[in-house]
């Protein structure tokens, strides 16, 4: 006797936080995540934010850029060019990971 490989459930299964963050990211693509910090989403992945610019609220000038997939950062500490976050280490590396988590959390909060 063969059993089917898929089980059926009543209703929808709850989506993981990463799937919800990815959907929220796509809804907010090419927009600021929140006006206070001026993080602008340039690209998304299947788990949330990928490319993000941090801009000055008044001038609109780019202050920093984040590539969360390739773990690259460009900002004043790097002279404006992309550098591996791991090579910067320390506080910059920690802030990079915290920023990613906070941005995805902010996207989820916008959807709730």
PDB file of N, CA and C in Angstrom:
ATOM      1  N   UNK A   1       0.834  -1.163   0.000  1.00  0.00           N
ATOM      2  CA  UNK A   1       0.000   0.000   0.000  1.00  0.00           C
ATOM      3  C   UNK A   1       0.891   1.242   0.000  1.00  0.00           C
ATOM      4  N   UNK A   2       0.632   2.182  -0.873  1.00  0.00           N
ATOM      5  CA  UNK A   2       1.387   3.429  -0.960  1.00  0.00           C
ATOM      6  C   UNK A   2       0.598   4.549  -0.310  1.00  0.00           C
ATOM      7  N   UNK A   3       1.294   5.348   0.444  1.00  0.00           N
ATOM      8  CA  UNK A   3       0.674   6.511   1.065  1.00  0.00           C
ATOM      9  C   UNK A   3       1.123   7.758   0.326  1.00  0.00           C
ATOM     10  N   UNK A   4       0.236   8.709   0.169  1.00  0.00           N
ATOM     11  CA  UNK A   4       0.658   9.945  -0.506  1.00  0.00           C
ATOM     12  C   UNK A   4       1.716  10.677   0.317  1.00  0.00           C
ATOM     13  N   UNK A   5       2.611  11.342  -0.379  1.00  0.00           N
ATOM     14  CA  UNK A   5       3.718  12.045   0.278  1.00  0.00           C
ATOM     15  C   UNK A   5       3.280  13.351   0.925  1.00  0.00           C
ATOM     16  N   UNK A   6       2.163  13.873   0.510  1.00  0.00           N
ATOM     17  CA  UNK A   6       1.714  15.164   1.033  1.00  0.00           C
ATOM     18  C   UNK A   6       0.528  14.979   1.966  1.00  0.00           C
ATOM     19  N   UNK A   7       0.544  15.693   3.021  1.00  0.00           N
ATOM     20  CA  UNK A   7      -0.589  15.687   3.939  1.00  0.00           C
ATOM     21  C   UNK A   7      -1.457  16.896   3.639  1.00  0.00           C
ATOM     22  N   UNK A   8      -2.720  16.753   3.901  1.00  0.00           N
ATOM     23  CA  UNK A   8      -3.612  17.891   3.704  1.00  0.00           C
ATOM     24  C   UNK A   8      -4.027  18.441   5.059  1.00  0.00           C
ATOM     25  N   UNK A   9      -4.134  19.743   5.121  1.00  0.00           N
ATOM     26  CA  UNK A   9      -4.508  20.427   6.346  1.00  0.00           C
ATOM     27  C   UNK A   9      -5.690  21.327   6.057  1.00  0.00           C
ATOM     28  N   UNK A  10      -6.520  21.496   7.053  1.00  0.00           N
ATOM     29  CA  UNK A  10      -7.617  22.441   6.902  1.00  0.00           C
ATOM     30  C   UNK A  10      -7.071  23.848   7.063  1.00  0.00           C
ATOM     31  N   UNK A  11      -7.468  24.726   6.188  1.00  0.00           N
ATOM     32  CA  UNK A  11      -7.007  26.115   6.269  1.00  0.00           C
ATOM     33  C   UNK A  11      -5.559  26.253   5.840  1.00  0.00           C
ATOM     34  N   UNK A  12      -5.053  27.443   5.940  1.00  0.00           N
ATOM     35  CA  UNK A  12      -3.665  27.715   5.568  1.00  0.00           C
ATOM     36  C   UNK A  12      -2.729  27.451   6.723  1.00  0.00           C
ATOM     37  N   UNK A  13      -1.534  26.996   6.375  1.00  0.00           N
ATOM     38  CA  UNK A  13      -0.503  26.857   7.392  1.00  0.00           C
ATOM     39  C   UNK A  13       0.070  28.237   7.676  1.00  0.00           C
ATOM     40  N   UNK A  14       0.435  28.518   8.915  1.00  0.00           N
ATOM     41  CA  UNK A  14       1.040  29.821   9.207  1.00  0.00           C
ATOM     42  C   UNK A  14       2.380  29.958   8.486  1.00  0.00           C
ATOM     43  N   UNK A  15       2.636  31.137   7.960  1.00  0.00           N
ATOM     44  CA  UNK A  15       3.892  31.386   7.255  1.00  0.00           C
ATOM     45  C   UNK A  15       4.983  31.731   8.253  1.00  0.00           C
ATOM     46  N   UNK A  16       6.196  31.346   7.914  1.00  0.00           N
ATOM     47  CA  UNK A  16       7.336  31.666   8.777  1.00  0.00           C
ATOM     48  C   UNK A  16       7.597  33.171   8.733  1.00  0.00           C
ATOM     49  N   UNK A  17       8.318  33.655   9.722  1.00  0.00           N
ATOM     50  CA  UNK A  17       8.653  35.082   9.781  1.00  0.00           C
ATOM     51  C   UNK A  17       9.455  35.501   8.558  1.00  0.00           C
ATOM     52  N   UNK A  18      10.343  34.630   8.071  1.00  0.00           N
ATOM     53  CA  UNK A  18      11.163  34.997   6.913  1.00  0.00           C
ATOM     54  C   UNK A  18      10.314  35.127   5.655  1.00  0.00           C
ATOM     55  N   UNK A  19       9.315  34.275   5.482  1.00  0.00           N
ATOM     56  CA  UNK A  19       8.421  34.374   4.324  1.00  0.00           C
ATOM     57  C   UNK A  19       7.592  35.650   4.418  1.00  0.00           C
ATOM     58  N   UNK A  20       7.076  35.940   5.603  1.00  0.00           N
ATOM     59  CA  UNK A  20       6.304  37.172   5.791  1.00  0.00           C
ATOM     60  C   UNK A  20       7.180  38.402   5.556  1.00  0.00           C
ATOM     61  N   UNK A  21       8.442  38.359   6.016  1.00  0.00           N
ATOM     62  CA  UNK A  21       9.365  39.481   5.800  1.00  0.00           C
ATOM     63  C   UNK A  21       9.648  39.659   4.316  1.00  0.00           C
ATOM     64  N   UNK A  22       9.794  38.555   3.587  1.00  0.00           N
ATOM     65  CA  UNK A  22      10.043  38.636   2.143  1.00  0.00           C
ATOM     66  C   UNK A  22       8.861  39.279   1.427  1.00  0.00           C
ATOM     67  N   UNK A  23       7.656  38.879   1.784  1.00  0.00           N
ATOM     68  CA  UNK A  23       6.465  39.467   1.165  1.00  0.00           C
ATOM     69  C   UNK A  23       6.345  40.948   1.515  1.00  0.00           C
ATOM     70  N   UNK A  24       6.608  41.284   2.770  1.00  0.00           N
ATOM     71  CA  UNK A  24       6.554  42.686   3.198  1.00  0.00           C
ATOM     72  C   UNK A  24       7.620  43.500   2.483  1.00  0.00           C
ATOM     73  N   UNK A  25       8.792  42.908   2.287  1.00  0.00           N
ATOM     74  CA  UNK A  25       9.877  43.594   1.585  1.00  0.00           C
ATOM     75  C   UNK A  25       9.445  43.940   0.160  1.00  0.00           C
ATOM     76  N   UNK A  26       8.848  42.980  -0.531  1.00  0.00           N
ATOM     77  CA  UNK A  26       8.413  43.226  -1.907  1.00  0.00           C
ATOM     78  C   UNK A  26       7.347  44.324  -1.964  1.00  0.00           C
ATOM     79  N   UNK A  27       6.470  44.377  -0.977  1.00  0.00           N
ATOM     80  CA  UNK A  27       5.451  45.431  -0.942  1.00  0.00           C
ATOM     81  C   UNK A  27       6.080  46.807  -0.744  1.00  0.00           C
ATOM     82  N   UNK A  28       7.225  46.843  -0.071  1.00  0.00           N
ATOM     83  CA  UNK A  28       7.883  48.112   0.249  1.00  0.00           C
ATOM     84  C   UNK A  28       9.112  48.383  -0.611  1.00  0.00           C
ATOM     85  N   UNK A  29       9.288  47.602  -1.672  1.00  0.00           N
ATOM     86  CA  UNK A  29      10.431  47.764  -2.565  1.00  0.00           C
ATOM     87  C   UNK A  29      10.463  49.175  -3.141  1.00  0.00           C
ATOM     88  N   UNK A  30      11.640  49.754  -3.174  1.00  0.00           N
ATOM     89  CA  UNK A  30      11.882  51.106  -3.683  1.00  0.00           C
ATOM     90  C   UNK A  30      11.172  52.171  -2.846  1.00  0.00           C
ATOM     91  N   UNK A  31      11.025  51.876  -1.552  1.00  0.00           N
ATOM     92  CA  UNK A  31      10.420  52.816  -0.612  1.00  0.00           C
ATOM     93  C   UNK A  31      11.242  52.839   0.664  1.00  0.00           C
ATOM     94  N   UNK A  32      11.001  53.863   1.469  1.00  0.00           N
ATOM     95  CA  UNK A  32      11.617  53.906   2.796  1.00  0.00           C
ATOM     96  C   UNK A  32      10.878  52.955   3.718  1.00  0.00           C
ATOM     97  N   UNK A  33      11.635  52.232   4.532  1.00  0.00           N
ATOM     98  CA  UNK A  33      11.011  51.339   5.502  1.00  0.00           C
ATOM     99  C   UNK A  33      10.364  52.157   6.596  1.00  0.00           C
ATOM    100  N   UNK A  34      11.093  53.156   7.065  1.00  0.00           N
ATOM    101  CA  UNK A  34      10.500  54.019   8.090  1.00  0.00           C
ATOM    102  C   UNK A  34      11.129  55.388   7.991  1.00  0.00           C
ATOM    103  N   UNK A  35      10.309  56.397   8.176  1.00  0.00           N
ATOM    104  CA  UNK A  35      10.748  57.769   7.937  1.00  0.00           C
ATOM    105  C   UNK A  35      11.835  58.235   8.891  1.00  0.00           C
ATOM    106  N   UNK A  36      11.850  57.694  10.093  1.00  0.00           N
ATOM    107  CA  UNK A  36      12.815  58.158  11.088  1.00  0.00           C
ATOM    108  C   UNK A  36      14.255  57.850  10.675  1.00  0.00           C
ATOM    109  N   UNK A  37      14.491  56.650  10.156  1.00  0.00           N
ATOM    110  CA  UNK A  37      15.859  56.236   9.851  1.00  0.00           C
ATOM    111  C   UNK A  37      16.207  56.304   8.373  1.00  0.00           C
ATOM    112  N   UNK A  38      15.217  56.473   7.503  1.00  0.00           N
ATOM    113  CA  UNK A  38      15.446  56.614   6.074  1.00  0.00           C
ATOM    114  C   UNK A  38      16.209  55.434   5.466  1.00  0.00           C
ATOM    115  N   UNK A  39      15.783  54.230   5.758  1.00  0.00           N
ATOM    116  CA  UNK A  39      16.332  53.047   5.098  1.00  0.00           C
ATOM    117  C   UNK A  39      15.483  52.773   3.869  1.00  0.00           C
ATOM    118  N   UNK A  40      16.115  52.749   2.701  1.00  0.00           N
ATOM    119  CA  UNK A  40      15.441  52.607   1.417  1.00  0.00           C
ATOM    120  C   UNK A  40      15.749  51.222   0.861  1.00  0.00           C
ATOM    121  N   UNK A  41      14.718  50.445   0.563  1.00  0.00           N
ATOM    122  CA  UNK A  41      14.901  49.080   0.070  1.00  0.00           C
ATOM    123  C   UNK A  41      15.180  49.100  -1.427  1.00  0.00           C
ATOM    124  N   UNK A  42      16.324  48.541  -1.821  1.00  0.00           N
ATOM    125  CA  UNK A  42      16.675  48.437  -3.235  1.00  0.00           C
ATOM    126  C   UNK A  42      16.384  47.075  -3.821  1.00  0.00           C
ATOM    127  N   UNK A  43      16.455  46.015  -3.002  1.00  0.00           N
ATOM    128  CA  UNK A  43      16.197  44.653  -3.473  1.00  0.00           C
ATOM    129  C   UNK A  43      15.826  43.774  -2.283  1.00  0.00           C
ATOM    130  N   UNK A  44      15.107  42.684  -2.597  1.00  0.00           N
ATOM    131  CA  UNK A  44      14.654  41.748  -1.565  1.00  0.00           C
ATOM    132  C   UNK A  44      15.113  40.331  -1.900  1.00  0.00           C
ATOM    133  N   UNK A  45      15.129  39.476  -0.884  1.00  0.00           N
ATOM    134  CA  UNK A  45      15.393  38.049  -1.076  1.00  0.00           C
ATOM    135  C   UNK A  45      14.168  37.283  -0.597  1.00  0.00           C
ATOM    136  N   UNK A  46      14.271  35.963  -0.596  1.00  0.00           N
ATOM    137  CA  UNK A  46      13.154  35.155  -0.111  1.00  0.00           C
ATOM    138  C   UNK A  46      13.092  35.111   1.414  1.00  0.00           C
ATOM    139  N   UNK A  47      13.969  35.859   2.087  1.00  0.00           N
ATOM    140  CA  UNK A  47      13.930  35.936   3.554  1.00  0.00           C
ATOM    141  C   UNK A  47      13.856  37.374   4.068  1.00  0.00           C
ATOM    142  N   UNK A  48      13.711  38.338   3.190  1.00  0.00           N
ATOM    143  CA  UNK A  48      13.617  39.733   3.626  1.00  0.00           C
ATOM    144  C   UNK A  48      14.489  40.659   2.800  1.00  0.00           C
ATOM    145  N   UNK A  49      15.082  41.640   3.467  1.00  0.00           N
ATOM    146  CA  UNK A  49      15.856  42.666   2.764  1.00  0.00           C
ATOM    147  C   UNK A  49      17.168  42.113   2.210  1.00  0.00           C
ATOM    148  N   UNK A  50      17.606  42.698   1.071  1.00  0.00           N
ATOM    149  CA  UNK A  50      18.882  42.334   0.462  1.00  0.00           C
ATOM    150  C   UNK A  50      19.742  43.585   0.350  1.00  0.00           C
ATOM    151  N   UNK A  51      19.361  44.499  -0.542  1.00  0.00           N
ATOM    152  CA  UNK A  51      20.111  45.738  -0.752  1.00  0.00           C
ATOM    153  C   UNK A  51      19.327  46.895  -0.136  1.00  0.00           C
ATOM    154  N   UNK A  52      19.987  47.634   0.749  1.00  0.00           N
ATOM    155  CA  UNK A  52      19.337  48.745   1.445  1.00  0.00           C
ATOM    156  C   UNK A  52      20.296  49.927   1.498  1.00  0.00           C
ATOM    157  N   UNK A  53      19.773  51.112   1.211  1.00  0.00           N
ATOM    158  CA  UNK A  53      20.532  52.353   1.375  1.00  0.00           C
ATOM    159  C   UNK A  53      20.029  53.055   2.628  1.00  0.00           C
ATOM    160  N   UNK A  54      20.948  53.605   3.395  1.00  0.00           N
ATOM    161  CA  UNK A  54      20.572  54.468   4.514  1.00  0.00           C
ATOM    162  C   UNK A  54      20.814  55.891   4.042  1.00  0.00           C
ATOM    163  N   UNK A  55      19.779  56.715   4.086  1.00  0.00           N
ATOM    164  CA  UNK A  55      19.866  58.071   3.548  1.00  0.00           C
ATOM    165  C   UNK A  55      19.639  59.111   4.631  1.00  0.00           C
ATOM    166  N   UNK A  56      20.242  60.274   4.424  1.00  0.00           N
ATOM    167  CA  UNK A  56      20.017  61.410   5.309  1.00  0.00           C
ATOM    168  C   UNK A  56      18.574  61.879   5.124  1.00  0.00           C
ATOM    169  N   UNK A  57      17.870  62.080   6.222  1.00  0.00           N
ATOM    170  CA  UNK A  57      16.452  62.433   6.171  1.00  0.00           C
ATOM    171  C   UNK A  57      16.203  63.776   5.493  1.00  0.00           C
ATOM    172  N   UNK A  58      17.116  64.725   5.642  1.00  0.00           N
ATOM    173  CA  UNK A  58      16.887  66.058   5.080  1.00  0.00           C
ATOM    174  C   UNK A  58      17.391  66.187   3.651  1.00  0.00           C
ATOM    175  N   UNK A  59      18.613  65.732   3.387  1.00  0.00           N
ATOM    176  CA  UNK A  59      19.198  65.926   2.058  1.00  0.00           C
ATOM    177  C   UNK A  59      18.899  64.783   1.093  1.00  0.00           C
ATOM    178  N   UNK A  60      18.594  63.600   1.623  1.00  0.00           N
ATOM    179  CA  UNK A  60      18.387  62.435   0.771  1.00  0.00           C
ATOM    180  C   UNK A  60      19.683  61.767   0.341  1.00  0.00           C
ATOM    181  N   UNK A  61      20.819  62.312   0.780  1.00  0.00           N
ATOM    182  CA  UNK A  61      22.129  61.769   0.418  1.00  0.00           C
ATOM    183  C   UNK A  61      22.328  60.394   1.060  1.00  0.00           C
ATOM    184  N   UNK A  62      22.923  59.474   0.297  1.00  0.00           N
ATOM    185  CA  UNK A  62      23.203  58.136   0.813  1.00  0.00           C
ATOM    186  C   UNK A  62      24.338  58.204   1.825  1.00  0.00           C
ATOM    187  N   UNK A  63      24.079  57.667   3.022  1.00  0.00           N
ATOM    188  CA  UNK A  63      25.073  57.631   4.092  1.00  0.00           C
ATOM    189  C   UNK A  63      25.788  56.289   4.151  1.00  0.00           C
ATOM    190  N   UNK A  64      25.048  55.223   3.868  1.00  0.00           N
ATOM    191  CA  UNK A  64      25.612  53.872   3.919  1.00  0.00           C
ATOM    192  C   UNK A  64      24.789  52.969   3.015  1.00  0.00           C
ATOM    193  N   UNK A  65      25.422  51.887   2.556  1.00  0.00           N
ATOM    194  CA  UNK A  65      24.733  50.888   1.750  1.00  0.00           C
ATOM    195  C   UNK A  65      25.009  49.517   2.344  1.00  0.00           C
ATOM    196  N   UNK A  66      23.975  48.677   2.331  1.00  0.00           N
ATOM    197  CA  UNK A  66      24.065  47.339   2.903  1.00  0.00           C
ATOM    198  C   UNK A  66      23.703  46.308   1.843  1.00  0.00           C
ATOM    199  N   UNK A  67      24.539  45.293   1.681  1.00  0.00           N
ATOM    200  CA  UNK A  67      24.247  44.128   0.851  1.00  0.00           C
ATOM    201  C   UNK A  67      24.203  42.950   1.814  1.00  0.00           C
ATOM    202  N   UNK A  68      22.996  42.588   2.247  1.00  0.00           N
ATOM    203  CA  UNK A  68      22.855  41.576   3.288  1.00  0.00           C
ATOM    204  C   UNK A  68      23.088  40.160   2.781  1.00  0.00           C
ATOM    205  N   UNK A  69      22.964  39.915   1.487  1.00  0.00           N
ATOM    206  CA  UNK A  69      23.207  38.573   0.949  1.00  0.00           C
ATOM    207  C   UNK A  69      24.702  38.290   0.870  1.00  0.00           C
ATOM    208  N   UNK A  70      25.448  39.234   0.330  1.00  0.00           N
ATOM    209  CA  UNK A  70      26.893  39.048   0.159  1.00  0.00           C
ATOM    210  C   UNK A  70      27.705  39.542   1.352  1.00  0.00           C
ATOM    211  N   UNK A  71      27.004  40.043   2.374  1.00  0.00           N
ATOM    212  CA  UNK A  71      27.630  40.557   3.597  1.00  0.00           C
ATOM    213  C   UNK A  71      28.677  41.630   3.285  1.00  0.00           C
ATOM    214  N   UNK A  72      28.221  42.626   2.513  1.00  0.00           N
ATOM    215  CA  UNK A  72      29.071  43.749   2.129  1.00  0.00           C
ATOM    216  C   UNK A  72      28.450  45.039   2.667  1.00  0.00           C
ATOM    217  N   UNK A  73      29.329  45.994   2.989  1.00  0.00           N
ATOM    218  CA  UNK A  73      28.895  47.261   3.567  1.00  0.00           C
ATOM    219  C   UNK A  73      29.704  48.380   2.934  1.00  0.00           C
ATOM    220  N   UNK A  74      29.039  49.491   2.654  1.00  0.00           N
ATOM    221  CA  UNK A  74      29.720  50.691   2.172  1.00  0.00           C
ATOM    222  C   UNK A  74      29.254  51.861   3.024  1.00  0.00           C
ATOM    223  N   UNK A  75      30.197  52.575   3.604  1.00  0.00           N
ATOM    224  CA  UNK A  75      29.858  53.716   4.453  1.00  0.00           C
ATOM    225  C   UNK A  75      31.088  54.546   4.724  1.00  0.00           C
ATOM    226  N   UNK A  76      30.991  55.439   5.679  1.00  0.00           N
ATOM    227  CA  UNK A  76      32.121  56.315   5.989  1.00  0.00           C
ATOM    228  C   UNK A  76      33.349  55.524   6.423  1.00  0.00           C
ATOM    229  N   UNK A  77      33.125  54.385   7.096  1.00  0.00           N
ATOM    230  CA  UNK A  77      34.248  53.565   7.558  1.00  0.00           C
ATOM    231  C   UNK A  77      35.021  52.929   6.411  1.00  0.00           C
ATOM    232  N   UNK A  78      34.383  52.829   5.243  1.00  0.00           N
ATOM    233  CA  UNK A  78      35.011  52.158   4.098  1.00  0.00           C
ATOM    234  C   UNK A  78      35.385  53.127   2.981  1.00  0.00           C
ATOM    235  N   UNK A  79      35.224  54.409   3.218  1.00  0.00           N
ATOM    236  CA  UNK A  79      35.492  55.386   2.171  1.00  0.00           C
ATOM    237  C   UNK A  79      34.445  55.374   1.075  1.00  0.00           C
ATOM    238  N   UNK A  80      33.290  54.787   1.353  1.00  0.00           N
ATOM    239  CA  UNK A  80      32.194  54.766   0.386  1.00  0.00           C
ATOM    240  C   UNK A  80      32.151  53.538  -0.495  1.00  0.00           C
ATOM    241  N   UNK A  81      33.213  52.732  -0.516  1.00  0.00           N
ATOM    242  CA  UNK A  81      33.231  51.524  -1.339  1.00  0.00           C
ATOM    243  C   UNK A  81      32.783  50.307  -0.551  1.00  0.00           C
ATOM    244  N   UNK A  82      32.229  49.319  -1.261  1.00  0.00           N
ATOM    245  CA  UNK A  82      31.790  48.093  -0.593  1.00  0.00           C
ATOM    246  C   UNK A  82      32.976  47.283  -0.099  1.00  0.00           C
ATOM    247  N   UNK A  83      32.865  46.825   1.147  1.00  0.00           N
ATOM    248  CA  UNK A  83      33.888  46.009   1.794  1.00  0.00           C
ATOM    249  C   UNK A  83      33.171  44.884   2.537  1.00  0.00           C
ATOM    250  N   UNK A  84      33.798  43.725   2.600  1.00  0.00           N
ATOM    251  CA  UNK A  84      33.245  42.610   3.357  1.00  0.00           C
ATOM    252  C   UNK A  84      33.092  43.004   4.820  1.00  0.00           C
ATOM    253  N   UNK A  85      31.915  42.772   5.368  1.00  0.00           N
ATOM    254  CA  UNK A  85      31.652  43.098   6.768  1.00  0.00           C
ATOM    255  C   UNK A  85      32.570  42.293   7.678  1.00  0.00           C
ATOM    256  N   UNK A  86      32.848  41.058   7.298  1.00  0.00           N
ATOM    257  CA  UNK A  86      33.715  40.204   8.112  1.00  0.00           C
ATOM    258  C   UNK A  86      35.119  40.783   8.229  1.00  0.00           C
ATOM    259  N   UNK A  87      35.585  41.456   7.181  1.00  0.00           N
ATOM    260  CA  UNK A  87      36.922  42.055   7.241  1.00  0.00           C
ATOM    261  C   UNK A  87      36.946  43.287   8.147  1.00  0.00           C
ATOM    262  N   UNK A  88      35.796  43.945   8.299  1.00  0.00           N
ATOM    263  CA  UNK A  88      35.718  45.105   9.189  1.00  0.00           C
ATOM    264  C   UNK A  88      35.629  44.664  10.644  1.00  0.00           C
ATOM    265  N   UNK A  89      34.906  43.558  10.863  1.00  0.00           N
ATOM    266  CA  UNK A  89      34.801  42.979  12.199  1.00  0.00           C
ATOM    267  C   UNK A  89      34.216  43.913  13.238  1.00  0.00           C
ATOM    268  N   UNK A  90      34.335  43.495  14.475  1.00  0.00           N
ATOM    269  CA  UNK A  90      33.944  44.299  15.632  1.00  0.00           C
ATOM    270  C   UNK A  90      32.559  44.880  15.576  1.00  0.00           C
ATOM    271  N   UNK A  91      32.482  46.154  15.942  1.00  0.00           N
ATOM    272  CA  UNK A  91      31.207  46.850  16.070  1.00  0.00           C
ATOM    273  C   UNK A  91      30.477  46.972  14.739  1.00  0.00           C
ATOM    274  N   UNK A  92      31.212  47.200  13.653  1.00  0.00           N
ATOM    275  CA  UNK A  92      30.577  47.338  12.340  1.00  0.00           C
ATOM    276  C   UNK A  92      29.882  46.032  11.957  1.00  0.00           C
ATOM    277  N   UNK A  93      30.555  44.911  12.185  1.00  0.00           N
ATOM    278  CA  UNK A  93      29.968  43.609  11.859  1.00  0.00           C
ATOM    279  C   UNK A  93      28.729  43.334  12.718  1.00  0.00           C
ATOM    280  N   UNK A  94      28.803  43.650  13.994  1.00  0.00           N
ATOM    281  CA  UNK A  94      27.651  43.456  14.882  1.00  0.00           C
ATOM    282  C   UNK A  94      26.482  44.343  14.464  1.00  0.00           C
ATOM    283  N   UNK A  95      26.770  45.612  14.180  1.00  0.00           N
ATOM    284  CA  UNK A  95      25.718  46.545  13.765  1.00  0.00           C
ATOM    285  C   UNK A  95      25.071  46.120  12.452  1.00  0.00           C
ATOM    286  N   UNK A  96      25.857  45.539  11.562  1.00  0.00           N
ATOM    287  CA  UNK A  96      25.355  45.053  10.282  1.00  0.00           C
ATOM    288  C   UNK A  96      24.258  44.007  10.512  1.00  0.00           C
ATOM    289  N   UNK A  97      24.544  43.022  11.354  1.00  0.00           N
ATOM    290  CA  UNK A  97      23.571  41.962  11.637  1.00  0.00           C
ATOM    291  C   UNK A  97      22.353  42.508  12.382  1.00  0.00           C
ATOM    292  N   UNK A  98      22.583  43.413  13.304  1.00  0.00           N
ATOM    293  CA  UNK A  98      21.477  44.020  14.053  1.00  0.00           C
ATOM    294  C   UNK A  98      20.587  44.828  13.116  1.00  0.00           C
ATOM    295  N   UNK A  99      21.200  45.567  12.198  1.00  0.00           N
ATOM    296  CA  UNK A  99      20.437  46.370  11.237  1.00  0.00           C
ATOM    297  C   UNK A  99      19.545  45.479  10.389  1.00  0.00           C
ATOM    298  N   UNK A 100      20.086  44.369   9.895  1.00  0.00           N
ATOM    299  CA  UNK A 100      19.298  43.438   9.081  1.00  0.00           C
ATOM    300  C   UNK A 100      18.086  42.929   9.862  1.00  0.00           C
ATOM    301  N   UNK A 101      18.313  42.489  11.077  1.00  0.00           N
ATOM    302  CA  UNK A 101      17.215  41.972  11.904  1.00  0.00           C
ATOM    303  C   UNK A 101      16.180  43.056  12.179  1.00  0.00           C
ATOM    304  N   UNK A 102      16.644  44.262  12.488  1.00  0.00           N
ATOM    305  CA  UNK A 102      15.726  45.366  12.782  1.00  0.00           C
ATOM    306  C   UNK A 102      14.906  45.770  11.566  1.00  0.00           C
ATOM    307  N   UNK A 103      15.525  45.763  10.388  1.00  0.00           N
ATOM    308  CA  UNK A 103      14.802  46.127   9.172  1.00  0.00           C
ATOM    309  C   UNK A 103      13.727  45.097   8.855  1.00  0.00           C
ATOM    310  N   UNK A 104      14.070  43.816   8.949  1.00  0.00           N
ATOM    311  CA  UNK A 104      13.064  42.781   8.708  1.00  0.00           C
ATOM    312  C   UNK A 104      11.944  42.862   9.745  1.00  0.00           C
ATOM    313  N   UNK A 105      12.291  43.145  10.997  1.00  0.00           N
ATOM    314  CA  UNK A 105      11.275  43.297  12.046  1.00  0.00           C
ATOM    315  C   UNK A 105      10.374  44.499  11.761  1.00  0.00           C
ATOM    316  N   UNK A 106      10.965  45.591  11.275  1.00  0.00           N
ATOM    317  CA  UNK A 106      10.177  46.780  10.934  1.00  0.00           C
ATOM    318  C   UNK A 106       9.209  46.480   9.794  1.00  0.00           C
ATOM    319  N   UNK A 107       9.649  45.681   8.833  1.00  0.00           N
ATOM    320  CA  UNK A 107       8.762  45.291   7.737  1.00  0.00           C
ATOM    321  C   UNK A 107       7.589  44.469   8.258  1.00  0.00           C
ATOM    322  N   UNK A 108       7.879  43.532   9.142  1.00  0.00           N
ATOM    323  CA  UNK A 108       6.811  42.709   9.721  1.00  0.00           C
ATOM    324  C   UNK A 108       5.838  43.563  10.524  1.00  0.00           C
ATOM    325  N   UNK A 109       6.357  44.541  11.250  1.00  0.00           N
ATOM    326  CA  UNK A 109       5.508  45.419  12.055  1.00  0.00           C
ATOM    327  C   UNK A 109       4.575  46.245  11.167  1.00  0.00           C
ATOM    328  N   UNK A 110       5.063  46.646   9.985  1.00  0.00           N
ATOM    329  CA  UNK A 110       4.221  47.412   9.064  1.00  0.00           C
ATOM    330  C   UNK A 110       3.056  46.575   8.551  1.00  0.00           C
ATOM    331  N   UNK A 111       3.261  45.270   8.472  1.00  0.00           N
ATOM    332  CA  UNK A 111       2.235  44.379   7.933  1.00  0.00           C
ATOM    333  C   UNK A 111       1.188  43.995   8.969  1.00  0.00           C
ATOM    334  N   UNK A 112       1.524  44.124  10.234  1.00  0.00           N
ATOM    335  CA  UNK A 112       0.581  43.728  11.301  1.00  0.00           C
ATOM    336  C   UNK A 112      -0.489  44.762  11.526  1.00  0.00           C
TER     337      UNK A 112
END
